[in-house]
Amino acid sequence: MLDHRHILLIEKRRDAIRAWLDEAAPYAAHDQRHLDAHTPEQAYWQYGYQAALNDILRLLVTTDSAHDNADTSSPSEQAAQDEPDSRVD
């Protein structure tokens, strides 16, 4: 079972992504371009999804509290600390 701290970290990250999307890309929820086969949008969506799964797996297997808030996203210079961005490395 997930530790309550992990659940809070996941919720915090989810909420930050939602807030960023609402402000920076409100159209994203309706466009659904990631469903179009062989498009850059689909590739970026898949990349982001695998990165999120990697973050969750890291939370589940780590016992070192220093890694509790680690994630694989890379915030841009314009994003506030602990906020997601749309850049993919």
PDB file of N, CA and C in Angstrom:
ATOM      1  N   MET A   1       0.835  -1.189   0.000  1.00  0.00           N
ATOM      2  CA  MET A   1       0.000   0.000   0.000  1.00  0.00           C
ATOM      3  C   MET A   1       0.878   1.250   0.000  1.00  0.00           C
ATOM      4  N   LEU A   2       0.437   2.277  -0.681  1.00  0.00           N
ATOM      5  CA  LEU A   2       1.192   3.514  -0.749  1.00  0.00           C
ATOM      6  C   LEU A   2       1.224   4.228   0.594  1.00  0.00           C
ATOM      7  N   ASP A   3       2.368   4.769   0.894  1.00  0.00           N
ATOM      8  CA  ASP A   3       2.535   5.619   2.061  1.00  0.00           C
ATOM      9  C   ASP A   3       1.741   6.909   1.811  1.00  0.00           C
ATOM     10  N   HIS A   4       1.141   7.456   2.842  1.00  0.00           N
ATOM     11  CA  HIS A   4       0.343   8.682   2.717  1.00  0.00           C
ATOM     12  C   HIS A   4       1.168   9.831   2.132  1.00  0.00           C
ATOM     13  N   ARG A   5       2.459   9.894   2.462  1.00  0.00           N
ATOM     14  CA  ARG A   5       3.336  10.944   1.916  1.00  0.00           C
ATOM     15  C   ARG A   5       3.421  10.840   0.403  1.00  0.00           C
ATOM     16  N   HIS A   6       3.500   9.607  -0.091  1.00  0.00           N
ATOM     17  CA  HIS A   6       3.588   9.411  -1.535  1.00  0.00           C
ATOM     18  C   HIS A   6       2.308   9.858  -2.229  1.00  0.00           C
ATOM     19  N   ILE A   7       1.187   9.544  -1.637  1.00  0.00           N
ATOM     20  CA  ILE A   7      -0.091   9.961  -2.208  1.00  0.00           C
ATOM     21  C   ILE A   7      -0.167  11.485  -2.258  1.00  0.00           C
ATOM     22  N   LEU A   8       0.260  12.141  -1.191  1.00  0.00           N
ATOM     23  CA  LEU A   8       0.253  13.611  -1.165  1.00  0.00           C
ATOM     24  C   LEU A   8       1.176  14.200  -2.225  1.00  0.00           C
ATOM     25  N   LEU A   9       2.350  13.585  -2.429  1.00  0.00           N
ATOM     26  CA  LEU A   9       3.268  14.063  -3.461  1.00  0.00           C
ATOM     27  C   LEU A   9       2.663  13.906  -4.855  1.00  0.00           C
ATOM     28  N   ILE A  10       2.020  12.784  -5.100  1.00  0.00           N
ATOM     29  CA  ILE A  10       1.383  12.546  -6.396  1.00  0.00           C
ATOM     30  C   ILE A  10       0.255  13.549  -6.615  1.00  0.00           C
ATOM     31  N   GLU A  11      -0.570  13.773  -5.601  1.00  0.00           N
ATOM     32  CA  GLU A  11      -1.669  14.738  -5.716  1.00  0.00           C
ATOM     33  C   GLU A  11      -1.142  16.152  -5.948  1.00  0.00           C
ATOM     34  N   LYS A  12      -0.066  16.513  -5.256  1.00  0.00           N
ATOM     35  CA  LYS A  12       0.521  17.847  -5.421  1.00  0.00           C
ATOM     36  C   LYS A  12       1.014  18.033  -6.852  1.00  0.00           C
ATOM     37  N   ARG A  13       1.678  17.026  -7.372  1.00  0.00           N
ATOM     38  CA  ARG A  13       2.198  17.106  -8.734  1.00  0.00           C
ATOM     39  C   ARG A  13       1.054  17.183  -9.744  1.00  0.00           C
ATOM     40  N   ARG A  14       0.024  16.342  -9.544  1.00  0.00           N
ATOM     41  CA  ARG A  14      -1.152  16.357 -10.428  1.00  0.00           C
ATOM     42  C   ARG A  14      -1.806  17.738 -10.426  1.00  0.00           C
ATOM     43  N   ASP A  15      -1.988  18.301  -9.253  1.00  0.00           N
ATOM     44  CA  ASP A  15      -2.641  19.603  -9.141  1.00  0.00           C
ATOM     45  C   ASP A  15      -1.814  20.707  -9.801  1.00  0.00           C
ATOM     46  N   ALA A  16      -0.485  20.620  -9.693  1.00  0.00           N
ATOM     47  CA  ALA A  16       0.381  21.612 -10.342  1.00  0.00           C
ATOM     48  C   ALA A  16       0.267  21.503 -11.859  1.00  0.00           C
ATOM     49  N   ILE A  17       0.198  20.286 -12.367  1.00  0.00           N
ATOM     50  CA  ILE A  17       0.047  20.090 -13.812  1.00  0.00           C
ATOM     51  C   ILE A  17      -1.307  20.620 -14.277  1.00  0.00           C
ATOM     52  N   ARG A  18      -2.348  20.330 -13.524  1.00  0.00           N
ATOM     53  CA  ARG A  18      -3.685  20.835 -13.880  1.00  0.00           C
ATOM     54  C   ARG A  18      -3.708  22.361 -13.916  1.00  0.00           C
ATOM     55  N   ALA A  19      -3.111  22.986 -12.925  1.00  0.00           N
ATOM     56  CA  ALA A  19      -3.087  24.450 -12.867  1.00  0.00           C
ATOM     57  C   ALA A  19      -2.315  25.016 -14.055  1.00  0.00           C
ATOM     58  N   TRP A  20      -1.184  24.397 -14.384  1.00  0.00           N
ATOM     59  CA  TRP A  20      -0.399  24.866 -15.516  1.00  0.00           C
ATOM     60  C   TRP A  20      -1.189  24.715 -16.807  1.00  0.00           C
ATOM     61  N   LEU A  21      -1.824  23.572 -16.999  1.00  0.00           N
ATOM     62  CA  LEU A  21      -2.622  23.349 -18.206  1.00  0.00           C
ATOM     63  C   LEU A  21      -3.767  24.354 -18.312  1.00  0.00           C
ATOM     64  N   ASP A  22      -4.447  24.617 -17.200  1.00  0.00           N
ATOM     65  CA  ASP A  22      -5.547  25.585 -17.211  1.00  0.00           C
ATOM     66  C   ASP A  22      -5.078  26.960 -17.669  1.00  0.00           C
ATOM     67  N   GLU A  23      -3.859  27.336 -17.253  1.00  0.00           N
ATOM     68  CA  GLU A  23      -3.346  28.655 -17.591  1.00  0.00           C
ATOM     69  C   GLU A  23      -2.681  28.692 -18.962  1.00  0.00           C
ATOM     70  N   ALA A  24      -1.828  27.717 -19.247  1.00  0.00           N
ATOM     71  CA  ALA A  24      -0.998  27.768 -20.446  1.00  0.00           C
ATOM     72  C   ALA A  24      -1.612  27.100 -21.670  1.00  0.00           C
ATOM     73  N   ALA A  25      -2.461  26.116 -21.452  1.00  0.00           N
ATOM     74  CA  ALA A  25      -2.987  25.360 -22.601  1.00  0.00           C
ATOM     75  C   ALA A  25      -4.396  24.844 -22.335  1.00  0.00           C
ATOM     76  N   PRO A  26      -5.353  25.735 -22.117  1.00  0.00           N
ATOM     77  CA  PRO A  26      -6.711  25.285 -21.796  1.00  0.00           C
ATOM     78  C   PRO A  26      -7.361  24.479 -22.920  1.00  0.00           C
ATOM     79  N   TYR A  27      -6.887  24.641 -24.133  1.00  0.00           N
ATOM     80  CA  TYR A  27      -7.416  23.915 -25.281  1.00  0.00           C
ATOM     81  C   TYR A  27      -7.028  22.436 -25.285  1.00  0.00           C
ATOM     82  N   ALA A  28      -5.996  22.076 -24.532  1.00  0.00           N
ATOM     83  CA  ALA A  28      -5.455  20.714 -24.581  1.00  0.00           C
ATOM     84  C   ALA A  28      -6.477  19.645 -24.189  1.00  0.00           C
ATOM     85  N   ALA A  29      -7.361  19.966 -23.281  1.00  0.00           N
ATOM     86  CA  ALA A  29      -8.354  18.980 -22.838  1.00  0.00           C
ATOM     87  C   ALA A  29      -9.349  18.648 -23.933  1.00  0.00           C
ATOM     88  N   HIS A  30      -9.530  19.553 -24.889  1.00  0.00           N
ATOM     89  CA  HIS A  30     -10.522  19.340 -25.945  1.00  0.00           C
ATOM     90  C   HIS A  30      -9.914  18.926 -27.275  1.00  0.00           C
ATOM     91  N   ASP A  31      -8.700  19.384 -27.559  1.00  0.00           N
ATOM     92  CA  ASP A  31      -8.078  19.075 -28.845  1.00  0.00           C
ATOM     93  C   ASP A  31      -7.792  17.586 -29.006  1.00  0.00           C
ATOM     94  N   GLN A  32      -7.237  16.969 -27.997  1.00  0.00           N
ATOM     95  CA  GLN A  32      -6.934  15.531 -28.004  1.00  0.00           C
ATOM     96  C   GLN A  32      -6.073  15.120 -29.198  1.00  0.00           C
ATOM     97  N   ARG A  33      -5.138  15.975 -29.595  1.00  0.00           N
ATOM     98  CA  ARG A  33      -4.285  15.679 -30.751  1.00  0.00           C
ATOM     99  C   ARG A  33      -3.382  14.477 -30.515  1.00  0.00           C
ATOM    100  N   HIS A  34      -3.164  14.141 -29.256  1.00  0.00           N
ATOM    101  CA  HIS A  34      -2.310  12.985 -28.964  1.00  0.00           C
ATOM    102  C   HIS A  34      -2.931  11.673 -29.450  1.00  0.00           C
ATOM    103  N   LEU A  35      -4.214  11.704 -29.808  1.00  0.00           N
ATOM    104  CA  LEU A  35      -4.877  10.509 -30.320  1.00  0.00           C
ATOM    105  C   LEU A  35      -4.637  10.306 -31.818  1.00  0.00           C
ATOM    106  N   ASP A  36      -4.090  11.313 -32.485  1.00  0.00           N
ATOM    107  CA  ASP A  36      -3.805  11.206 -33.913  1.00  0.00           C
ATOM    108  C   ASP A  36      -2.509  10.419 -34.118  1.00  0.00           C
ATOM    109  N   ALA A  37      -2.619   9.299 -34.812  1.00  0.00           N
ATOM    110  CA  ALA A  37      -1.469   8.407 -35.005  1.00  0.00           C
ATOM    111  C   ALA A  37      -0.314   9.105 -35.726  1.00  0.00           C
ATOM    112  N   HIS A  38       0.890   8.793 -35.289  1.00  0.00           N
ATOM    113  CA  HIS A  38       2.135   9.231 -35.932  1.00  0.00           C
ATOM    114  C   HIS A  38       2.311  10.746 -35.945  1.00  0.00           C
ATOM    115  N   THR A  39       1.834  11.405 -34.909  1.00  0.00           N
ATOM    116  CA  THR A  39       1.993  12.855 -34.804  1.00  0.00           C
ATOM    117  C   THR A  39       2.974  13.187 -33.692  1.00  0.00           C
ATOM    118  N   PRO A  40       3.585  14.370 -33.736  1.00  0.00           N
ATOM    119  CA  PRO A  40       4.442  14.791 -32.633  1.00  0.00           C
ATOM    120  C   PRO A  40       3.674  14.828 -31.301  1.00  0.00           C
ATOM    121  N   GLU A  41       2.402  15.235 -31.358  1.00  0.00           N
ATOM    122  CA  GLU A  41       1.602  15.299 -30.133  1.00  0.00           C
ATOM    123  C   GLU A  41       1.483  13.920 -29.489  1.00  0.00           C
ATOM    124  N   GLN A  42       1.281  12.897 -30.301  1.00  0.00           N
ATOM    125  CA  GLN A  42       1.173  11.547 -29.762  1.00  0.00           C
ATOM    126  C   GLN A  42       2.506  11.105 -29.149  1.00  0.00           C
ATOM    127  N   ALA A  43       3.602  11.427 -29.804  1.00  0.00           N
ATOM    128  CA  ALA A  43       4.916  11.071 -29.274  1.00  0.00           C
ATOM    129  C   ALA A  43       5.189  11.780 -27.949  1.00  0.00           C
ATOM    130  N   TYR A  44       4.880  13.076 -27.883  1.00  0.00           N
ATOM    131  CA  TYR A  44       5.094  13.816 -26.643  1.00  0.00           C
ATOM    132  C   TYR A  44       4.208  13.295 -25.519  1.00  0.00           C
ATOM    133  N   TRP A  45       2.972  12.950 -25.841  1.00  0.00           N
ATOM    134  CA  TRP A  45       2.064  12.419 -24.828  1.00  0.00           C
ATOM    135  C   TRP A  45       2.604  11.098 -24.298  1.00  0.00           C
ATOM    136  N   GLN A  46       3.026  10.224 -25.187  1.00  0.00           N
ATOM    137  CA  GLN A  46       3.562   8.925 -24.769  1.00  0.00           C
ATOM    138  C   GLN A  46       4.826   9.106 -23.922  1.00  0.00           C
ATOM    139  N   TYR A  47       5.684  10.033 -24.342  1.00  0.00           N
ATOM    140  CA  TYR A  47       6.900  10.300 -23.583  1.00  0.00           C
ATOM    141  C   TYR A  47       6.566  10.794 -22.169  1.00  0.00           C
ATOM    142  N   GLY A  48       5.638  11.732 -22.089  1.00  0.00           N
ATOM    143  CA  GLY A  48       5.236  12.257 -20.782  1.00  0.00           C
ATOM    144  C   GLY A  48       4.598  11.199 -19.909  1.00  0.00           C
ATOM    145  N   TYR A  49       3.802  10.332 -20.522  1.00  0.00           N
ATOM    146  CA  TYR A  49       3.135   9.277 -19.768  1.00  0.00           C
ATOM    147  C   TYR A  49       4.152   8.285 -19.208  1.00  0.00           C
ATOM    148  N   GLN A  50       5.135   7.897 -20.009  1.00  0.00           N
ATOM    149  CA  GLN A  50       6.140   6.975 -19.495  1.00  0.00           C
ATOM    150  C   GLN A  50       6.980   7.634 -18.408  1.00  0.00           C
ATOM    151  N   ALA A  51       7.230   8.935 -18.528  1.00  0.00           N
ATOM    152  CA  ALA A  51       7.970   9.643 -17.484  1.00  0.00           C
ATOM    153  C   ALA A  51       7.172   9.664 -16.181  1.00  0.00           C
ATOM    154  N   ALA A  52       5.854   9.860 -16.281  1.00  0.00           N
ATOM    155  CA  ALA A  52       5.003   9.844 -15.086  1.00  0.00           C
ATOM    156  C   ALA A  52       4.997   8.464 -14.436  1.00  0.00           C
ATOM    157  N   LEU A  53       4.908   7.423 -15.250  1.00  0.00           N
ATOM    158  CA  LEU A  53       4.956   6.066 -14.699  1.00  0.00           C
ATOM    159  C   LEU A  53       6.297   5.799 -14.026  1.00  0.00           C
ATOM    160  N   ASN A  54       7.358   6.294 -14.617  1.00  0.00           N
ATOM    161  CA  ASN A  54       8.686   6.150 -14.020  1.00  0.00           C
ATOM    162  C   ASN A  54       8.745   6.853 -12.659  1.00  0.00           C
ATOM    163  N   ASP A  55       8.160   8.048 -12.575  1.00  0.00           N
ATOM    164  CA  ASP A  55       8.113   8.774 -11.303  1.00  0.00           C
ATOM    165  C   ASP A  55       7.375   7.972 -10.235  1.00  0.00           C
ATOM    166  N   ILE A  56       6.228   7.409 -10.610  1.00  0.00           N
ATOM    167  CA  ILE A  56       5.427   6.629  -9.658  1.00  0.00           C
ATOM    168  C   ILE A  56       6.192   5.390  -9.218  1.00  0.00           C
ATOM    169  N   LEU A  57       6.810   4.699 -10.155  1.00  0.00           N
ATOM    170  CA  LEU A  57       7.595   3.514  -9.795  1.00  0.00           C
ATOM    171  C   LEU A  57       8.731   3.870  -8.837  1.00  0.00           C
ATOM    172  N   ARG A  58       9.385   4.991  -9.090  1.00  0.00           N
ATOM    173  CA  ARG A  58      10.463   5.433  -8.200  1.00  0.00           C
ATOM    174  C   ARG A  58       9.921   5.691  -6.791  1.00  0.00           C
ATOM    175  N   LEU A  59       8.748   6.309  -6.694  1.00  0.00           N
ATOM    176  CA  LEU A  59       8.141   6.545  -5.385  1.00  0.00           C
ATOM    177  C   LEU A  59       7.826   5.230  -4.670  1.00  0.00           C
ATOM    178  N   LEU A  60       7.365   4.257  -5.428  1.00  0.00           N
ATOM    179  CA  LEU A  60       6.975   2.989  -4.831  1.00  0.00           C
ATOM    180  C   LEU A  60       8.164   2.170  -4.343  1.00  0.00           C
ATOM    181  N   VAL A  61       9.286   2.252  -5.016  1.00  0.00           N
ATOM    182  CA  VAL A  61      10.418   1.408  -4.660  1.00  0.00           C
ATOM    183  C   VAL A  61      11.454   2.084  -3.775  1.00  0.00           C
ATOM    184  N   THR A  62      11.421   3.381  -3.691  1.00  0.00           N
ATOM    185  CA  THR A  62      12.436   4.056  -2.886  1.00  0.00           C
ATOM    186  C   THR A  62      12.044   4.093  -1.413  1.00  0.00           C
ATOM    187  N   THR A  63      13.028   3.917  -0.575  1.00  0.00           N
ATOM    188  CA  THR A  63      12.807   4.064   0.862  1.00  0.00           C
ATOM    189  C   THR A  63      13.590   5.249   1.395  1.00  0.00           C
ATOM    190  N   ASP A  64      14.409   5.831   0.545  1.00  0.00           N
ATOM    191  CA  ASP A  64      15.216   6.978   0.921  1.00  0.00           C
ATOM    192  C   ASP A  64      14.381   8.241   0.800  1.00  0.00           C
ATOM    193  N   SER A  65      14.125   8.920   1.898  1.00  0.00           N
ATOM    194  CA  SER A  65      13.258  10.107   1.875  1.00  0.00           C
ATOM    195  C   SER A  65      13.848  11.233   1.039  1.00  0.00           C
ATOM    196  N   ALA A  66      15.134  11.206   0.757  1.00  0.00           N
ATOM    197  CA  ALA A  66      15.730  12.241  -0.075  1.00  0.00           C
ATOM    198  C   ALA A  66      15.227  12.167  -1.508  1.00  0.00           C
ATOM    199  N   HIS A  67      14.702  11.013  -1.907  1.00  0.00           N
ATOM    200  CA  HIS A  67      14.201  10.849  -3.268  1.00  0.00           C
ATOM    201  C   HIS A  67      12.689  10.980  -3.340  1.00  0.00           C
ATOM    202  N   ASP A  68      12.023  11.264  -2.248  1.00  0.00           N
ATOM    203  CA  ASP A  68      10.554  11.292  -2.223  1.00  0.00           C
ATOM    204  C   ASP A  68       9.945  12.296  -3.177  1.00  0.00           C
ATOM    205  N   ASN A  69      10.625  13.404  -3.434  1.00  0.00           N
ATOM    206  CA  ASN A  69      10.016  14.413  -4.291  1.00  0.00           C
ATOM    207  C   ASN A  69      10.680  14.493  -5.652  1.00  0.00           C
ATOM    208  N   ALA A  70      11.445  13.476  -6.028  1.00  0.00           N
ATOM    209  CA  ALA A  70      12.099  13.486  -7.327  1.00  0.00           C
ATOM    210  C   ALA A  70      11.100  13.160  -8.426  1.00  0.00           C
ATOM    211  N   ASP A  71      11.304  13.781  -9.583  1.00  0.00           N
ATOM    212  CA  ASP A  71      10.520  13.424 -10.756  1.00  0.00           C
ATOM    213  C   ASP A  71      11.402  13.567 -11.977  1.00  0.00           C
ATOM    214  N   THR A  72      10.939  13.080 -13.103  1.00  0.00           N
ATOM    215  CA  THR A  72      11.764  13.095 -14.297  1.00  0.00           C
ATOM    216  C   THR A  72      11.475  14.264 -15.204  1.00  0.00           C
ATOM    217  N   SER A  73      10.553  15.129 -14.833  1.00  0.00           N
ATOM    218  CA  SER A  73      10.270  16.277 -15.679  1.00  0.00           C
ATOM    219  C   SER A  73      11.378  17.301 -15.521  1.00  0.00           C
ATOM    220  N   SER A  74      11.496  18.164 -16.494  1.00  0.00           N
ATOM    221  CA  SER A  74      12.530  19.194 -16.428  1.00  0.00           C
ATOM    222  C   SER A  74      11.880  20.548 -16.638  1.00  0.00           C
ATOM    223  N   PRO A  75      11.698  21.303 -15.541  1.00  0.00           N
ATOM    224  CA  PRO A  75      11.013  22.589 -15.654  1.00  0.00           C
ATOM    225  C   PRO A  75      11.798  23.565 -16.519  1.00  0.00           C
ATOM    226  N   SER A  76      11.080  24.376 -17.260  1.00  0.00           N
ATOM    227  CA  SER A  76      11.726  25.379 -18.096  1.00  0.00           C
ATOM    228  C   SER A  76      12.084  26.585 -17.244  1.00  0.00           C
ATOM    229  N   GLU A  77      12.828  27.473 -17.856  1.00  0.00           N
ATOM    230  CA  GLU A  77      13.219  28.693 -17.151  1.00  0.00           C
ATOM    231  C   GLU A  77      12.000  29.535 -16.801  1.00  0.00           C
ATOM    232  N   GLN A  78      10.926  29.419 -17.582  1.00  0.00           N
ATOM    233  CA  GLN A  78       9.747  30.235 -17.364  1.00  0.00           C
ATOM    234  C   GLN A  78       8.809  29.654 -16.317  1.00  0.00           C
ATOM    235  N   ALA A  79       8.873  28.357 -16.079  1.00  0.00           N
ATOM    236  CA  ALA A  79       7.964  27.727 -15.121  1.00  0.00           C
ATOM    237  C   ALA A  79       8.435  28.014 -13.702  1.00  0.00           C
ATOM    238  N   ALA A  80       7.495  28.222 -12.836  1.00  0.00           N
ATOM    239  CA  ALA A  80       7.828  28.432 -11.436  1.00  0.00           C
ATOM    240  C   ALA A  80       8.330  27.129 -10.848  1.00  0.00           C
ATOM    241  N   GLN A  81       9.076  27.218  -9.765  1.00  0.00           N
ATOM    242  CA  GLN A  81       9.587  26.013  -9.132  1.00  0.00           C
ATOM    243  C   GLN A  81       8.440  25.077  -8.768  1.00  0.00           C
ATOM    244  N   ASP A  82       8.612  23.789  -9.049  1.00  0.00           N
ATOM    245  CA  ASP A  82       7.651  22.736  -8.753  1.00  0.00           C
ATOM    246  C   ASP A  82       6.417  22.787  -9.635  1.00  0.00           C
ATOM    247  N   GLU A  83       6.517  23.512 -10.760  1.00  0.00           N
ATOM    248  CA  GLU A  83       5.418  23.511 -11.727  1.00  0.00           C
ATOM    249  C   GLU A  83       5.884  22.806 -12.986  1.00  0.00           C
ATOM    250  N   PRO A  84       5.009  22.073 -13.650  1.00  0.00           N
ATOM    251  CA  PRO A  84       5.396  21.369 -14.870  1.00  0.00           C
ATOM    252  C   PRO A  84       5.482  22.316 -16.047  1.00  0.00           C
ATOM    253  N   ASP A  85       6.110  21.834 -17.101  1.00  0.00           N
ATOM    254  CA  ASP A  85       6.089  22.578 -18.346  1.00  0.00           C
ATOM    255  C   ASP A  85       5.869  21.612 -19.484  1.00  0.00           C
ATOM    256  N   SER A  86       5.820  22.118 -20.674  1.00  0.00           N
ATOM    257  CA  SER A  86       5.513  21.265 -21.806  1.00  0.00           C
ATOM    258  C   SER A  86       6.743  20.847 -22.592  1.00  0.00           C
ATOM    259  N   ARG A  87       7.913  21.261 -22.160  1.00  0.00           N
ATOM    260  CA  ARG A  87       9.149  20.934 -22.870  1.00  0.00           C
ATOM    261  C   ARG A  87       9.523  19.477 -22.643  1.00  0.00           C
ATOM    262  N   VAL A  88       9.935  18.803 -23.679  1.00  0.00           N
ATOM    263  CA  VAL A  88      10.395  17.426 -23.584  1.00  0.00           C
ATOM    264  C   VAL A  88      11.843  17.402 -24.018  1.00  0.00           C
ATOM    265  N   ASP A  89      12.715  16.846 -23.183  1.00  0.00           N
ATOM    266  CA  ASP A  89      14.141  16.756 -23.518  1.00  0.00           C
ATOM    267  C   ASP A  89      14.417  15.547 -24.352  1.00  0.00           C
TER     268      ASP A  89
END
